[in-house]
C-alpha cells in the first residue's frame, strides 16, 4: 500500500512537471508571435514603388571641423548633436 501511494504521488508530480513544460513552451511561442506582430517595420529595408533610397557613401560631418565651444554648445542645445 505504501508503494502504491508513493507511485500515485510521483505520477502526480510527473503530470504537473509535464504540464508545466508544455504550457511554458506554448506561452513562449505565443509571446514570439506577439513580438513579431508588435515589431515596427525595418528602417533600412528597400523602399517600395517608385521611391528611391538616398544615402551617402562614407561619413560626412554635419558640423565644420573648426567650431568654437560656445557654437558647439548652442548646437547641442538646439538639436542634441
N, C-alpha and C. Protein backbone atom coordinates (compact mmCIF):
# COMPACT_ATOMS: atom_id res chain seq x y z
N UNK A 1 0.81 -1.19 0.00
CA UNK A 1 0.00 0.00 0.00
C UNK A 1 0.86 1.26 0.00
N UNK A 2 1.97 1.25 0.71
CA UNK A 2 2.86 2.41 0.75
C UNK A 2 3.45 2.66 -0.63
N UNK A 3 3.81 1.61 -1.32
CA UNK A 3 4.38 1.76 -2.66
C UNK A 3 3.34 2.35 -3.60
N UNK A 4 2.09 1.92 -3.47
CA UNK A 4 1.03 2.42 -4.33
C UNK A 4 0.79 3.92 -4.09
N UNK A 5 0.84 4.37 -2.85
CA UNK A 5 0.66 5.79 -2.52
C UNK A 5 1.81 6.61 -3.06
N UNK A 6 3.02 6.09 -2.91
CA UNK A 6 4.19 6.83 -3.43
C UNK A 6 4.15 6.91 -4.96
N UNK A 7 3.74 5.85 -5.60
CA UNK A 7 3.67 5.85 -7.07
C UNK A 7 2.64 6.87 -7.54
N UNK A 8 1.51 6.95 -6.85
CA UNK A 8 0.48 7.92 -7.22
C UNK A 8 1.00 9.34 -7.01
N UNK A 9 1.75 9.55 -5.93
CA UNK A 9 2.33 10.86 -5.65
C UNK A 9 3.33 11.26 -6.74
N UNK A 10 4.20 10.32 -7.13
CA UNK A 10 5.18 10.60 -8.17
C UNK A 10 4.51 10.79 -9.53
N UNK A 11 3.44 10.05 -9.77
CA UNK A 11 2.70 10.21 -11.02
C UNK A 11 2.08 11.61 -11.09
N UNK A 12 1.55 12.10 -9.98
CA UNK A 12 1.01 13.46 -9.93
C UNK A 12 2.09 14.50 -10.15
N UNK A 13 3.25 14.28 -9.55
CA UNK A 13 4.36 15.22 -9.74
C UNK A 13 4.83 15.23 -11.20
N UNK A 14 4.91 14.05 -11.79
CA UNK A 14 5.34 13.94 -13.18
C UNK A 14 4.33 14.64 -14.09
N UNK A 15 3.03 14.43 -13.83
CA UNK A 15 2.00 15.08 -14.62
C UNK A 15 2.09 16.60 -14.49
N UNK A 16 2.32 17.11 -13.29
CA UNK A 16 2.47 18.54 -13.07
C UNK A 16 3.67 19.08 -13.85
N UNK A 17 4.81 18.39 -13.76
CA UNK A 17 6.02 18.84 -14.46
C UNK A 17 5.80 18.83 -15.97
N UNK A 18 5.14 17.80 -16.47
CA UNK A 18 4.89 17.70 -17.90
C UNK A 18 3.97 18.84 -18.37
N UNK A 19 2.90 19.10 -17.62
CA UNK A 19 2.00 20.20 -17.98
C UNK A 19 2.72 21.55 -17.89
N UNK A 20 3.57 21.70 -16.89
CA UNK A 20 4.33 22.94 -16.75
C UNK A 20 5.21 23.18 -17.97
N UNK A 21 5.90 22.14 -18.41
CA UNK A 21 6.78 22.27 -19.59
C UNK A 21 5.97 22.57 -20.84
N UNK A 22 4.85 21.89 -21.01
CA UNK A 22 4.02 22.10 -22.20
C UNK A 22 3.46 23.52 -22.23
N UNK A 23 2.92 23.99 -21.10
CA UNK A 23 2.37 25.35 -21.07
C UNK A 23 3.45 26.42 -21.19
N UNK A 24 4.62 26.17 -20.64
CA UNK A 24 5.73 27.11 -20.79
C UNK A 24 6.15 27.21 -22.26
N UNK A 25 6.23 26.08 -22.92
CA UNK A 25 6.58 26.05 -24.35
C UNK A 25 5.53 26.79 -25.17
N UNK A 26 4.25 26.56 -24.86
CA UNK A 26 3.17 27.23 -25.60
C UNK A 26 3.20 28.74 -25.35
N UNK A 27 3.39 29.15 -24.12
CA UNK A 27 3.46 30.58 -23.80
C UNK A 27 4.63 31.25 -24.50
N UNK A 28 5.77 30.56 -24.56
CA UNK A 28 6.95 31.10 -25.25
C UNK A 28 6.63 31.37 -26.72
N UNK A 29 5.97 30.43 -27.37
CA UNK A 29 5.67 30.61 -28.79
C UNK A 29 4.58 31.65 -29.02
N UNK A 30 3.64 31.78 -28.10
CA UNK A 30 2.64 32.85 -28.20
C UNK A 30 3.33 34.21 -28.07
N UNK A 31 4.26 34.33 -27.15
CA UNK A 31 4.99 35.59 -26.99
C UNK A 31 5.86 35.91 -28.21
N UNK A 32 6.41 34.89 -28.86
CA UNK A 32 7.16 35.14 -30.10
C UNK A 32 6.26 35.71 -31.19
N UNK A 33 5.07 35.17 -31.32
CA UNK A 33 4.13 35.66 -32.33
C UNK A 33 3.72 37.09 -32.01
N UNK A 34 3.44 37.38 -30.75
CA UNK A 34 3.06 38.74 -30.36
C UNK A 34 4.21 39.71 -30.60
N UNK A 35 5.43 39.29 -30.32
CA UNK A 35 6.59 40.15 -30.55
C UNK A 35 6.75 40.48 -32.02
N UNK A 36 6.60 39.47 -32.88
CA UNK A 36 6.71 39.73 -34.33
C UNK A 36 5.60 40.66 -34.81
N UNK A 37 4.42 40.54 -34.21
CA UNK A 37 3.28 41.36 -34.61
C UNK A 37 3.49 42.81 -34.16
N UNK A 38 4.12 43.03 -33.02
CA UNK A 38 4.32 44.37 -32.50
C UNK A 38 5.55 45.09 -33.04
N UNK A 39 6.48 44.35 -33.64
CA UNK A 39 7.71 44.96 -34.14
C UNK A 39 7.41 45.97 -35.24
N UNK A 40 8.07 47.13 -35.19
CA UNK A 40 7.89 48.08 -36.30
C UNK A 40 8.59 47.55 -37.55
N UNK A 41 8.23 48.12 -38.68
CA UNK A 41 8.89 47.71 -39.92
C UNK A 41 10.36 48.10 -39.87
N UNK A 42 11.20 47.33 -40.50
CA UNK A 42 12.64 47.67 -40.51
C UNK A 42 12.88 49.02 -41.18
N UNK A 43 13.74 49.83 -40.54
CA UNK A 43 14.01 51.17 -41.07
C UNK A 43 14.80 51.13 -42.37
N UNK A 44 15.64 50.13 -42.53
CA UNK A 44 16.60 50.14 -43.64
C UNK A 44 16.20 49.19 -44.76
N UNK A 45 14.93 48.85 -44.86
CA UNK A 45 14.51 47.96 -45.94
C UNK A 45 14.46 48.73 -47.26
N UNK A 46 14.41 48.00 -48.34
CA UNK A 46 14.33 48.59 -49.67
C UNK A 46 12.97 49.25 -49.83
N UNK A 47 12.90 50.50 -50.32
CA UNK A 47 11.61 51.17 -50.46
C UNK A 47 10.74 50.51 -51.53
N UNK A 48 9.44 50.64 -51.38
CA UNK A 48 8.50 50.04 -52.33
C UNK A 48 8.05 51.07 -53.35
N UNK A 49 7.58 50.61 -54.49
CA UNK A 49 7.05 51.51 -55.52
C UNK A 49 8.15 52.27 -56.24
N UNK A 50 7.88 53.54 -56.52
CA UNK A 50 8.85 54.35 -57.26
C UNK A 50 9.76 55.12 -56.33
N UNK A 51 9.71 54.85 -55.04
CA UNK A 51 10.55 55.56 -54.08
C UNK A 51 12.02 55.20 -54.30
N UNK A 52 12.88 56.13 -53.94
CA UNK A 52 14.32 55.93 -54.08
C UNK A 52 14.94 56.08 -52.71
N UNK A 53 15.82 55.16 -52.38
CA UNK A 53 16.53 55.25 -51.11
C UNK A 53 17.78 56.08 -51.32
N UNK A 54 17.87 57.19 -50.59
CA UNK A 54 19.01 58.09 -50.72
C UNK A 54 19.94 57.92 -49.53
N UNK A 55 21.20 57.84 -49.80
CA UNK A 55 22.19 57.72 -48.72
C UNK A 55 23.51 58.26 -49.21
N UNK A 56 24.43 58.49 -48.26
CA UNK A 56 25.76 58.96 -48.62
C UNK A 56 26.76 57.86 -48.34
N UNK A 57 27.67 57.68 -49.25
CA UNK A 57 28.76 56.75 -49.00
C UNK A 57 29.82 57.46 -48.18
N UNK A 58 30.22 56.86 -47.11
CA UNK A 58 31.21 57.49 -46.24
C UNK A 58 30.54 58.41 -45.24
N UNK A 59 31.31 58.86 -44.29
CA UNK A 59 30.79 59.72 -43.23
C UNK A 59 31.12 61.16 -43.55
N UNK A 60 30.12 61.98 -43.65
CA UNK A 60 30.31 63.41 -43.89
C UNK A 60 29.87 64.14 -42.63
N UNK A 61 30.75 64.92 -42.07
CA UNK A 61 30.43 65.63 -40.83
C UNK A 61 29.42 66.73 -41.12
N UNK A 62 28.39 66.81 -40.28
CA UNK A 62 27.38 67.85 -40.42
C UNK A 62 27.86 69.15 -39.79
N UNK A 63 28.90 69.06 -38.97
CA UNK A 63 29.42 70.23 -38.27
C UNK A 63 30.83 70.49 -38.80
N UNK A 64 31.15 71.74 -39.10
CA UNK A 64 32.51 72.03 -39.57
C UNK A 64 33.55 71.65 -38.51
N UNK A 65 34.77 71.38 -38.98
CA UNK A 65 35.84 70.96 -38.06
C UNK A 65 36.22 72.06 -37.08
N UNK A 66 36.27 73.30 -37.54
CA UNK A 66 36.69 74.41 -36.68
C UNK A 66 35.45 75.12 -36.16
N UNK A 67 35.06 74.78 -34.95
CA UNK A 67 33.88 75.37 -34.35
C UNK A 67 34.23 75.70 -32.90
N UNK A 68 33.75 76.85 -32.43
CA UNK A 68 34.07 77.26 -31.06
C UNK A 68 33.22 76.45 -30.08
N UNK A 69 33.65 76.49 -28.84
CA UNK A 69 32.93 75.75 -27.80
C UNK A 69 31.53 76.30 -27.62
N UNK A 70 31.38 77.60 -27.67
CA UNK A 70 30.04 78.19 -27.49
C UNK A 70 29.11 77.81 -28.64
N UNK A 71 29.63 77.80 -29.89
CA UNK A 71 28.81 77.39 -31.03
C UNK A 71 28.43 75.91 -30.91
N UNK A 72 29.37 75.11 -30.46
CA UNK A 72 29.10 73.69 -30.28
C UNK A 72 28.04 73.48 -29.20
N UNK A 73 28.09 74.26 -28.12
CA UNK A 73 27.12 74.16 -27.05
C UNK A 73 25.73 74.59 -27.54
N UNK A 74 25.68 75.66 -28.34
CA UNK A 74 24.41 76.10 -28.91
C UNK A 74 23.82 75.01 -29.81
N UNK A 75 24.66 74.40 -30.62
CA UNK A 75 24.23 73.32 -31.49
C UNK A 75 23.69 72.13 -30.67
N UNK A 76 24.37 71.82 -29.60
CA UNK A 76 23.95 70.72 -28.72
C UNK A 76 22.57 71.02 -28.14
N UNK A 77 22.35 72.23 -27.64
CA UNK A 77 21.06 72.57 -27.06
C UNK A 77 19.96 72.63 -28.11
N UNK A 78 20.30 73.01 -29.35
CA UNK A 78 19.30 73.14 -30.39
C UNK A 78 18.86 71.79 -30.94
N UNK A 79 19.82 70.92 -31.28
CA UNK A 79 19.44 69.64 -31.92
C UNK A 79 19.92 68.41 -31.16
N UNK A 80 20.63 68.60 -30.06
CA UNK A 80 21.09 67.45 -29.29
C UNK A 80 22.26 66.73 -29.92
N UNK A 81 22.95 67.36 -30.83
CA UNK A 81 24.09 66.75 -31.53
C UNK A 81 25.38 67.14 -30.86
